[in-house]
Amino acid sequence: MPMDEINILVVDDVEQNLIATEAILAQPGIRILKASSGPEALEILLAHEIALALVDVQMPQMDGFELAELIRGSERTRAVPLIFLTAVSREAKSTFRGYEAGAVDFLHKPIDVAVLKSKVNVFVELHAKKKQLRQQLEELQQALRMNELFTAVLGHDLRTPLSTILGAADLIMLSEDPKARATAKLIKSSGKRMSKMVNQLLDVARIRSGGIQLHCKETDYVQLCRSIIAEFDASQESPRIEMTATGNVAGMADPDRLGQVLSNLIGNALQHGDGDQPVRVGIDGSQSGRIIVEVGNGGTIPAALRERIFEPYHSAQTSGKNTEGLGLGLYIVKQFVEAHGGSVELRSSEGDGTVFSVSMPRRHASCAA
């Protein structure tokens, strides 16, 4: 059978009716499948994809209503549209039973040929569009799978040469030649930035494939935050990160994932905030069940960008400055926080600047082990 051919099932115990209906509906692209009984119709329905079934109501052994109930009872066939063909009177009771059995319409004999063709063509077109949409969805899903696989492989294969480049830069940094040291510093800075992008691509690939795995343990938020701040301070001429903490700052978390959250938020604050104002990191452990981490900086985010700020590849495409990243940092932040059962919110105003607030549970089901 050609791939674009659409099946229509006609069920009638009178052979002449089957032949007549086939002659009426015959046209290119449509295949008429005929059944003279309910059991034969069920066999055809299980073996073929059917766009529409035209079912005679009055048949011996199994009438059209009984057949319809069996069709609706099967997962494979319950979505097949049914039109009943009947020679009985237009009684409300009979019509109600037909619709209750799953009919989409009734046609009374003698059948109006023009009406029958019109109704059949509607369902043929709907089925063709359904098949087209299904094919497009399958192609899209395949493309997404290939894209995620490509991203993961690309990120993995880039790590080895990047490590070599960074190692060579460290060796050149030992040179007595000032120009060589300056060049090595530039290489190392670019290598670290590229390494961060590779790691983000790998994180996104894992997130999209449902592969986020948390390795939780008792974590001191302040100690973790201090180590991250120290890394940023070491790369800046004048450190401008201020941290405050209150209450019990210990909770169950994956320190690597939480460290990425803090690093992304602090890095964004340093990169996009007002350079004349400090970046403020506050850790509030005063609540019994939650730990709140807030990272704030001077400056504001335009209202048009706030609604989509956590979407992947968004910030890098819409921000007016420092668009050297991929726009994945805040997307990864949100995914990692939510994996812990937490939430992240954004506040931004002229008076208070921009603040990202992360609320993390001290204990969560994902960290139960």
Protein backbone atom coordinates (compact mmCIF):
# COMPACT_ATOMS: atom_id res chain seq x y z
CA MET A 1 0.00 0.00 0.00
CA PRO A 2 1.41 3.49 -0.84
CA MET A 3 2.53 5.47 2.17
CA ASP A 4 0.06 8.33 1.48
CA GLU A 5 -3.00 6.09 0.96
CA ILE A 6 -5.77 6.53 3.55
CA ASN A 7 -8.01 3.66 4.66
CA ILE A 8 -11.78 3.91 5.05
CA LEU A 9 -13.63 0.94 6.53
CA VAL A 10 -17.16 0.12 5.37
CA VAL A 11 -19.11 -2.43 7.45
CA ASP A 12 -22.37 -3.86 6.06
CA ASP A 13 -23.79 -7.39 5.90
CA VAL A 14 -25.26 -6.75 2.43
CA GLU A 15 -22.69 -7.26 -0.32
CA GLN A 16 -24.45 -4.93 -2.76
CA ASN A 17 -24.25 -2.09 -0.22
CA LEU A 18 -20.51 -2.64 0.19
CA ILE A 19 -19.96 -2.54 -3.56
CA ALA A 20 -22.13 0.56 -3.99
CA THR A 21 -20.38 2.44 -1.18
CA GLU A 22 -16.97 1.53 -2.60
CA ALA A 23 -18.00 2.87 -6.00
CA ILE A 24 -19.25 6.13 -4.50
CA LEU A 25 -16.11 6.80 -2.44
CA ALA A 26 -13.50 5.56 -4.92
CA GLN A 27 -10.86 8.21 -5.59
CA PRO A 28 -7.06 8.40 -5.75
CA GLY A 29 -5.38 8.21 -2.34
CA ILE A 30 -8.29 6.41 -0.65
CA ARG A 31 -8.48 2.66 -0.07
CA ILE A 32 -11.84 1.14 0.81
CA LEU A 33 -11.66 -1.82 3.21
CA LYS A 34 -14.87 -3.86 3.38
CA ALA A 35 -16.23 -6.03 6.18
CA SER A 36 -19.51 -8.00 6.14
CA SER A 37 -19.69 -8.52 9.91
CA GLY A 38 -18.59 -7.08 13.24
CA PRO A 39 -15.83 -9.66 13.93
CA GLU A 40 -14.39 -9.16 10.44
CA ALA A 41 -14.41 -5.39 10.99
CA LEU A 42 -12.51 -5.77 14.27
CA GLU A 43 -9.82 -7.83 12.52
CA ILE A 44 -9.38 -5.10 9.90
CA LEU A 45 -9.26 -2.37 12.56
CA LEU A 46 -6.51 -4.19 14.42
CA ALA A 47 -4.47 -4.72 11.26
CA HIS A 48 -4.78 -1.31 9.58
CA GLU A 49 -4.80 2.40 10.43
CA ILE A 50 -8.34 3.60 9.70
CA ALA A 51 -9.29 7.21 9.04
CA LEU A 52 -13.07 6.62 9.22
CA ALA A 53 -15.48 3.70 9.71
CA LEU A 54 -18.92 3.65 8.06
CA VAL A 55 -20.95 1.13 10.05
CA ASP A 56 -24.37 -0.29 9.25
CA VAL A 57 -26.54 -0.40 12.37
CA GLN A 58 -28.70 -3.46 11.56
CA MET A 59 -26.47 -6.51 11.19
CA PRO A 60 -27.03 -10.09 12.43
CA GLN A 61 -25.03 -11.54 15.37
CA MET A 62 -23.37 -8.19 16.21
CA ASP A 63 -25.15 -4.95 15.35
CA GLY A 64 -23.47 -1.62 14.73
CA PHE A 65 -23.92 -0.38 18.30
CA GLU A 66 -22.25 -3.46 19.77
CA LEU A 67 -19.39 -3.14 17.30
CA ALA A 68 -18.97 0.53 18.21
CA GLU A 69 -18.74 -0.33 21.91
CA LEU A 70 -15.99 -2.89 21.19
CA ILE A 71 -14.14 -0.36 19.03
CA ARG A 72 -14.29 2.23 21.80
CA GLY A 73 -13.08 -0.35 24.32
CA SER A 74 -9.75 -0.89 22.56
CA GLU A 75 -6.83 1.50 23.06
CA ARG A 76 -5.76 1.03 19.44
CA THR A 77 -9.15 1.75 17.84
CA ARG A 78 -11.00 4.05 20.25
CA ALA A 79 -10.02 7.20 18.33
CA VAL A 80 -11.40 5.96 14.99
CA PRO A 81 -14.37 8.20 13.94
CA LEU A 82 -17.62 6.28 13.37
CA ILE A 83 -20.55 7.21 11.12
CA PHE A 84 -23.60 5.00 11.43
CA LEU A 85 -25.59 4.09 8.32
CA THR A 86 -29.15 3.11 9.20
CA ALA A 87 -32.46 2.39 7.54
CA VAL A 88 -34.47 2.55 10.78
CA SER A 89 -36.68 5.48 11.73
CA ARG A 90 -35.13 8.61 13.22
CA GLU A 91 -36.09 7.74 16.79
CA ALA A 92 -34.46 9.82 19.50
CA LYS A 93 -33.77 6.70 21.57
CA SER A 94 -31.89 5.01 18.74
CA THR A 95 -29.94 8.16 17.93
CA PHE A 96 -29.00 8.65 21.57
CA ARG A 97 -27.73 5.09 21.82
CA GLY A 98 -25.63 5.62 18.70
CA TYR A 99 -23.94 8.76 20.01
CA GLU A 100 -23.47 7.10 23.39
CA ALA A 101 -21.68 4.25 21.61
CA GLY A 102 -19.26 6.72 20.06
CA ALA A 103 -20.77 7.79 16.73
CA VAL A 104 -19.79 11.17 15.30
CA ASP A 105 -22.74 11.24 12.91
CA PHE A 106 -25.78 9.36 11.51
CA LEU A 107 -26.71 8.94 7.83
CA HIS A 108 -30.12 7.54 7.02
CA LYS A 109 -30.76 5.26 4.06
CA PRO A 110 -31.25 5.82 1.22
CA ILE A 111 -27.93 7.66 1.46
CA ASP A 112 -27.52 11.06 -0.15
CA VAL A 113 -24.37 10.57 -2.24
CA ALA A 114 -23.28 14.22 -2.07
CA VAL A 115 -23.69 14.33 1.71
CA LEU A 116 -21.78 11.06 2.15
CA LYS A 117 -18.88 12.24 -0.01
CA SER A 118 -18.73 15.59 1.78
CA LYS A 119 -18.62 14.05 5.25
CA VAL A 120 -16.05 11.43 4.24
CA ASN A 121 -13.78 14.07 2.67
CA VAL A 122 -13.78 16.04 5.93
CA PHE A 123 -12.46 13.06 7.90
CA VAL A 124 -9.98 12.15 5.15
CA GLU A 125 -8.51 15.66 5.30
CA LEU A 126 -8.38 15.58 9.09
CA HIS A 127 -6.60 12.23 9.05
CA ALA A 128 -4.09 13.45 6.44
CA LYS A 129 -3.28 16.49 8.57
CA LYS A 130 -2.97 14.31 11.66
CA LYS A 131 -0.45 12.07 9.87
CA GLN A 132 1.48 15.09 8.66
CA LEU A 133 1.65 16.57 12.17
CA ARG A 134 2.73 13.22 13.61
CA GLN A 135 5.51 12.93 11.05
CA GLN A 136 6.67 16.50 11.76
CA LEU A 137 6.68 15.78 15.49
CA GLU A 138 8.76 12.63 14.98
CA GLU A 139 11.23 14.57 12.82
CA LEU A 140 11.45 17.31 15.43
CA GLN A 141 12.03 14.83 18.25
CA GLN A 142 14.73 13.12 16.22
CA ALA A 143 16.38 16.47 15.52
CA LEU A 144 16.29 17.33 19.22
CA ARG A 145 17.84 13.98 20.15
CA MET A 146 20.59 14.47 17.59
CA ASN A 147 21.19 18.01 18.80
CA GLU A 148 21.51 16.91 22.42
CA LEU A 149 23.81 14.04 21.42
CA PHE A 150 25.93 16.40 19.34
CA THR A 151 26.13 18.87 22.22
CA ALA A 152 27.19 16.19 24.68
CA VAL A 153 29.83 14.71 22.36
CA LEU A 154 31.13 18.14 21.38
CA GLY A 155 31.43 19.20 25.00
CA HIS A 156 33.17 15.97 26.00
CA ASP A 157 35.65 16.04 23.10
CA LEU A 158 36.56 19.69 23.66
CA ARG A 159 37.64 19.12 27.23
CA THR A 160 40.89 17.30 26.39
CA PRO A 161 42.40 19.94 24.06
CA LEU A 162 41.22 22.68 26.41
CA SER A 163 43.07 21.07 29.31
CA THR A 164 46.21 20.95 27.17
CA ILE A 165 45.87 24.62 26.24
CA LEU A 166 45.38 25.68 29.87
CA GLY A 167 48.32 23.54 30.98
CA ALA A 168 50.56 25.09 28.32
CA ALA A 169 49.46 28.57 29.39
CA ASP A 170 50.48 27.78 32.98
CA LEU A 171 53.95 26.79 31.76
CA ILE A 172 54.33 29.96 29.67
CA MET A 173 53.32 31.99 32.74
CA LEU A 174 56.65 30.88 34.29
CA SER A 175 58.59 32.64 31.53
CA GLU A 176 60.73 35.67 32.34
CA ASP A 177 59.53 37.41 29.19
CA PRO A 178 56.76 39.91 30.11
CA LYS A 179 55.16 39.65 26.65
CA ALA A 180 55.04 35.87 26.89
CA ARG A 181 53.44 36.06 30.36
CA ALA A 182 50.85 38.58 29.09
CA THR A 183 50.03 36.33 26.14
CA ALA A 184 49.76 33.30 28.44
CA LYS A 185 47.43 35.22 30.74
CA LEU A 186 45.20 36.06 27.78
CA ILE A 187 45.22 32.43 26.60
CA LYS A 188 44.35 31.20 30.07
CA SER A 189 41.52 33.70 30.45
CA SER A 190 40.03 32.74 27.08
CA GLY A 191 40.53 29.04 27.83
CA LYS A 192 38.69 29.32 31.14
CA ARG A 193 35.83 31.15 29.47
CA MET A 194 35.61 28.46 26.80
CA SER A 195 35.80 25.74 29.44
CA LYS A 196 32.84 27.34 31.21
CA MET A 197 30.86 27.32 27.95
CA VAL A 198 31.68 23.64 27.38
CA ASN A 199 30.54 22.77 30.90
CA GLN A 200 27.31 24.68 30.37
CA LEU A 201 26.62 22.82 27.13
CA LEU A 202 27.15 19.51 28.92
CA ASP A 203 24.85 20.61 31.75
CA VAL A 204 22.12 21.55 29.29
CA ALA A 205 22.49 18.21 27.49
CA ARG A 206 22.07 16.39 30.81
CA ILE A 207 19.09 18.56 31.79
CA ARG A 208 17.32 18.00 28.47
CA SER A 209 17.84 14.24 28.67
CA GLY A 210 16.58 14.11 32.28
CA GLY A 211 20.01 13.18 33.53
CA ILE A 212 20.45 15.52 36.52
CA GLN A 213 21.76 13.37 39.35
CA LEU A 214 22.26 14.95 42.75
CA HIS A 215 24.97 13.73 45.11
CA CYS A 216 23.86 15.36 48.32
CA LYS A 217 25.66 15.71 51.59
CA GLU A 218 25.66 18.05 54.56
CA THR A 219 26.80 21.37 53.09
CA ASP A 220 27.89 24.58 54.77
CA TYR A 221 26.54 27.32 52.52
CA VAL A 222 28.86 29.98 53.91
CA GLN A 223 32.00 27.89 53.51
CA LEU A 224 31.02 26.96 49.94
CA CYS A 225 30.22 30.57 49.10
CA ARG A 226 33.51 31.83 50.53
CA SER A 227 35.50 29.45 48.33
CA ILE A 228 33.65 30.67 45.24
CA ILE A 229 34.10 34.33 46.19
CA ALA A 230 37.82 33.70 46.70
CA GLU A 231 38.09 32.44 43.12
CA PHE A 232 36.43 35.58 41.77
CA ASP A 233 38.47 37.87 44.02
CA ALA A 234 41.70 36.28 42.79
CA SER A 235 40.85 37.19 39.19
CA GLN A 236 39.94 40.82 39.94
CA GLU A 237 42.21 43.78 40.53
CA SER A 238 39.94 45.13 43.27
CA PRO A 239 37.57 42.64 44.95
CA ARG A 240 34.03 43.99 45.28
CA ILE A 241 32.00 41.05 46.64
CA GLU A 242 30.48 41.47 50.11
CA MET A 243 28.94 38.55 52.00
CA THR A 244 26.73 38.41 55.09
CA ALA A 245 25.23 35.39 56.84
CA THR A 246 22.74 34.76 59.65
CA GLY A 247 21.35 31.69 61.37
CA ASN A 248 22.05 28.03 60.69
CA VAL A 249 23.62 27.84 57.21
CA ALA A 250 23.96 24.04 56.96
CA GLY A 251 21.66 21.86 54.84
CA MET A 252 21.57 18.81 52.59
CA ALA A 253 22.59 19.70 49.03
CA ASP A 254 24.81 18.68 46.15
CA PRO A 255 27.80 20.99 46.75
CA ASP A 256 28.93 20.82 43.11
CA ARG A 257 25.53 21.81 41.72
CA LEU A 258 24.97 24.40 44.44
CA GLY A 259 28.45 25.76 43.73
CA GLN A 260 27.50 26.18 40.06
CA VAL A 261 24.36 28.05 41.09
CA LEU A 262 26.33 30.46 43.28
CA SER A 263 29.12 30.83 40.72
CA ASN A 264 26.69 31.66 37.90
CA LEU A 265 24.75 34.19 39.97
CA ILE A 266 27.85 35.92 41.33
CA GLY A 267 29.53 35.87 37.90
CA ASN A 268 26.46 37.45 36.30
CA ALA A 269 26.29 40.11 39.01
CA LEU A 270 29.94 41.03 38.46
CA GLN A 271 29.61 41.00 34.67
CA HIS A 272 26.33 42.82 34.20
CA GLY A 273 26.02 44.94 37.35
CA ASP A 274 27.17 48.49 38.03
CA GLY A 275 30.96 48.27 38.33
CA ASP A 276 31.03 51.08 40.89
CA GLN A 277 28.85 49.18 43.36
CA PRO A 278 29.65 45.99 45.27
CA VAL A 279 28.03 42.63 44.62
CA ARG A 280 26.07 41.63 47.72
CA VAL A 281 25.72 37.98 48.77
CA GLY A 282 23.40 37.26 51.69
CA ILE A 283 22.77 33.87 53.27
CA ASP A 284 19.79 33.61 55.64
CA GLY A 285 19.51 30.42 57.68
CA SER A 286 17.07 31.77 60.27
CA GLN A 287 14.15 29.61 59.02
CA SER A 288 13.94 26.04 60.27
CA GLY A 289 13.10 24.44 56.93
CA ARG A 290 14.77 26.65 54.33
CA ILE A 291 17.96 28.53 53.53
CA ILE A 292 17.68 31.72 51.49
CA VAL A 293 20.58 32.89 49.33
CA GLU A 294 20.38 36.31 47.68
CA VAL A 295 22.84 37.77 45.19
CA GLY A 296 22.38 41.45 44.42
CA ASN A 297 24.09 44.12 42.37
CA GLY A 298 23.59 47.70 41.25
CA GLY A 299 21.69 48.35 38.06
CA THR A 300 18.39 47.04 36.76
CA ILE A 301 17.14 44.53 34.21
CA PRO A 302 14.59 45.94 31.72
CA ALA A 303 11.05 44.71 32.32
CA ALA A 304 10.88 43.26 28.80
CA LEU A 305 13.71 40.84 29.63
CA ARG A 306 12.61 39.71 33.08
CA GLU A 307 9.86 37.31 31.99
CA ARG A 308 12.29 35.31 29.81
CA ILE A 309 15.46 35.73 31.86
CA PHE A 310 15.60 32.03 32.84
CA GLU A 311 15.09 30.73 29.30
CA PRO A 312 18.08 29.04 27.58
CA TYR A 313 20.12 31.10 25.09
CA HIS A 314 18.03 34.14 25.95
CA SER A 315 20.17 36.57 27.89
CA ALA A 316 23.11 36.37 25.50
CA GLN A 317 20.89 37.33 22.60
CA THR A 318 19.02 40.16 24.27
CA SER A 319 21.49 41.79 26.60
CA GLY A 320 23.13 44.91 25.31
CA LYS A 321 26.60 44.28 26.75
CA ASN A 322 29.04 41.55 27.62
CA THR A 323 27.40 38.99 25.35
CA GLU A 324 30.39 36.68 25.32
CA GLY A 325 28.52 33.83 26.98
CA LEU A 326 25.89 31.44 25.67
CA GLY A 327 22.99 32.71 27.74
CA LEU A 328 22.73 29.42 29.63
CA GLY A 329 23.84 30.43 33.13
CA LEU A 330 20.47 31.44 34.58
CA TYR A 331 18.68 28.56 32.86
CA ILE A 332 21.10 26.14 34.55
CA VAL A 333 20.63 27.95 37.87
CA LYS A 334 16.87 27.46 37.71
CA GLN A 335 17.12 23.80 36.73
CA PHE A 336 19.63 22.93 39.47
CA VAL A 337 17.69 24.81 42.15
CA GLU A 338 14.41 23.13 41.17
CA ALA A 339 16.14 19.72 41.16
CA HIS A 340 16.77 20.34 44.87
CA GLY A 341 13.11 21.24 45.40
CA GLY A 342 13.92 24.94 45.63
CA SER A 343 12.92 28.06 43.71
CA VAL A 344 14.63 31.14 42.31
CA GLU A 345 13.09 34.58 41.84
CA LEU A 346 14.22 37.88 40.36
CA ARG A 347 13.63 41.36 41.76
CA SER A 348 14.85 44.43 39.92
CA SER A 349 14.11 48.10 40.56
CA GLU A 350 15.87 51.45 40.34
CA GLY A 351 16.03 51.86 44.11
CA ASP A 352 17.15 48.37 45.17
CA GLY A 353 19.05 47.21 42.08
CA THR A 354 18.83 43.61 40.91
CA VAL A 355 18.51 40.67 43.30
CA PHE A 356 18.29 36.96 42.54
CA SER A 357 16.76 35.14 45.51
CA VAL A 358 17.25 31.36 45.85
CA SER A 359 15.12 29.46 48.35
CA MET A 360 16.51 25.99 49.16
CA PRO A 361 14.95 23.38 51.49
CA ARG A 362 17.28 22.07 54.18
CA ARG A 363 16.04 18.56 53.41
CA HIS A 364 14.35 17.37 50.22
CA ALA A 365 13.22 14.03 48.81
CA SER A 366 15.88 14.24 46.08
CA CYS A 367 18.53 14.34 48.84
CA ALA A 368 16.92 11.73 51.08
CA ALA A 369 19.63 9.16 50.40
